[in-house]
């Protein structure tokens, strides 16, 4: 057996159609032999052919076992295909399609969202598309059908061109959003979450009291979730799209607000005159038959009020009781109901009560209903403001688009636009859908998506995004993303998911809220018993007033709204600043950050390296460049692109390459015309035993100029160095200065040579430099910083940054960076600037501070209000708190929380001048 031919035993395969798996990472037939030996041990496998690029086996072989065997050797097998999807609207759709993929024995990994499927399989794109279509969905058109990702392709310091379309993180699991009704307080939140969690297939659920929505992750059946919510005593409906959610919530909000206003006027219309009567000396006691008749009529009117304006309190309280729960509605129903019942008893049987206890409280019942409902109306109006940021994003898309067909232009509704259509956008018009420019030139204002104030020049081949504004030219473009597939829609979806998530602080509040109402009821009972047994006469009156006031003043609403209001408003404001926050946990972690670690290439620098010097030691400059560029063919690494661009500019013809081997963090080796060459950094040269003494001075000069030295050598001789520089971004120095002024310690972390790194750091104003770090060592550096007590935010954009981004308290990815980096990050920057990260960090601090203010206010209010309502100040003042005042205080507490959270809508990131230290 030779290295070019393997003797493969043929087995009977008459009944099987061969399956060919692409292989990568194999550099010679010795590698192929290893694969053959490993796969042959698997039962049921017949190897028909194997070489360095593919493995052909019988169709009924256990593919997953074959793949695992190949990958256990350090190679890659199978094709990874990414399919952009159309028509998936909810978690059920995702689960249905995933099951269809997994039903095929030739598919062994399927990762899906509503907009994209990443499949590792032995199938072609066409075969996978057929599975999608059979399931009832569609595959959108794309330029790159299949992507095979060998490990060698993952080069260090990898970044994308800044001009590329900003990428967005994809949800790890299918999710669906429900619009809820019937919730009034934090106790309702825990009840609804508990009901949804009980449904099979639900992975996690976050209920947002401020938005009255639930975000459910998993592949649970939507109908089952809705039935579970309804069984718990609440209402739920599916939000198929952001536009649907917006319209439905707006309708529900209008109905609620109108109802609250109507009930407020009814309640205060009766309660205010009665209260005024008492305040101005009118009798509020039963002392005659005439007073019985008069107060009896008022009692009947109050009963009508309880059946209209107060109906929802009692209905919700009964529902909660049936499910063994107590909510804010329970407290209001008990408080107003007991005051009314006591008063009715006094009116119809005054002789059962001592003369001094024959006081009626119909005015308290009416005023409590009026003030609590008024508070709900004001709170609802303020809550509607928290979604203004998302509403402004939704308003960016125009209602119509200008379609070009057969040279004719016609205006069509936005819903009629399909992917692949040719569209025209005129000067001053909003771009309706995502697309690629086919003809024309213009500047486009993308500030509403990225926060970047400067307009971006767009020419043929450039990407356009829905909602951005065309300025001065006419553009003809091809629609590539419509409906939920536009970047704008994905941003809205990510913001919505983040708004529905909960930080640790909120979970603590939820755990307290779960026992809050039952605890208040117990306190009210103990208060009543205390006044009845130890209080002065009239005991019954004192007992009723204190117990009712305790029930009314307690406010689970403020507790339930404290964190979701802040999170909803803060995440929305972050989106306006061009920062997408993955979840509320990231907000809380970001608020504690004191150290910011910056990647160099593509973060501090432009990410567009250029060859700026060539130092030849044994070859002419052009020959050195020809060999280096030939070795870099096919690589997407920024340094490789720089070498290839330099060769292209000189019209240098490239040579064929064989036996390519990527060496992560160091470089590569390959053969050209039978000779072996090494291209990479000094570590690679030392590892291969190449003497560098003759190049030290030249390398030092390159490093002092901020250039990265790329060495080219044969097995025995150094041929020369190529100096590549990546210019510092125009705003990097000012951004670093701002970070330091705001009190953050700034560290630059790079795999580059220390001399080169220090030259760039000096220009950027960074004193702390950690250089020469291999890709797998960046996460270790983060861990070391954390062991020193530092709270770290890592900003990067390359594949090699992903482990460090995941390890840091907060990973911040540049939106134009690699997908892997973005998936590992908790924040994504829509504009390529460190200033955007600073905005996100400072907003996180402001949001956490706002959450703490709300929680502190809610806890202090209840901690002080409940004892005062119970009468602890009576020995000092000789007076009790009125239930009416308690109702007003309860309403005011919720209004205060909502108003305080809305301050975040006007948050302006600090510049840093006055924040030194």
Foldseek 3Di string as FASTA:
>chain_A
DDFVDDDFDADDQPPFDKFKKFKDDQQTSVLQVQLVVQQVVAPPWGWPDTTRTITIITPPGQVVSSQVSSVVVVMGIFWKWKFFWPDQQFLQLFVLLVVLQVVDSQWDDWFDESTMIITGGSDALVVSQVSQVVSPIGTFDDDDTTDHDIPLQAAPPFWDAQLDAFAFAGDRFTKFKKAKDLDDFLLLQVLLQVLQVVFPFWPHWFAFPLRNMIITGGNGDPVSSQVSNVLLPIGIDTDRAPVSSVVVSVVVLVVLLVLLVVLLCLLCVLLVVVVVCVVVPHDQFDDDLVVLVVVVVLLVSLVVSCVRLVVSLVSSQVSQVVVVAGDLSNLLCVLLVLLSVLQNCLSVPVVVADRVQRGHCSSLSSLLSNQLSVLVSLLSVLSVLLCVLLVVLVVLADQWFWFADPNDTDIDGQVPDDAFTKTKDAAFDFDHAKWFFQAKKFWKQPCQQFVDGGTHIHGGGRIDFGSIHTHHMMTITGHRAGDCRTPSNVLSVQLVQQLSFDAPVLVVLSVCLNCVLVVLLVLLVVLLVCLLVPNDPPSNNLNSQLSSLSSQLQASRLSSNLQSLLRSNLQSLLSSNQKHFRHLNLLQLLLQAFAEEEEVQLAQFSNQKAFDDWWFDADPRLVVLQALLLLLPPHSGNVNVRSVVVNVVVVHDHFHWGSWHRDHLFFIWIDGPRFIKTKGAPVVCVVLVEDCVVCPVVCLVLLLVLWFWIWMDTSYYTGITTTMHTGGDPCQLLLVVQSQLQRHQYEYEYLTDPSSQVNSCVVSVHPHYDYNATLVCLLVVQVVVVVVVGQYEYEEARLSCLSNQLNGSFYEYESSGDNSSSNSGRMYRSRSHSNSVLQSSQSSSVSVVSSVVSNVLSVVSSVPSSVLSSPPCCVVPVDHDGSSVSSNSNSVSSSVSSVSSNVSNPDDRDSSPNNHD
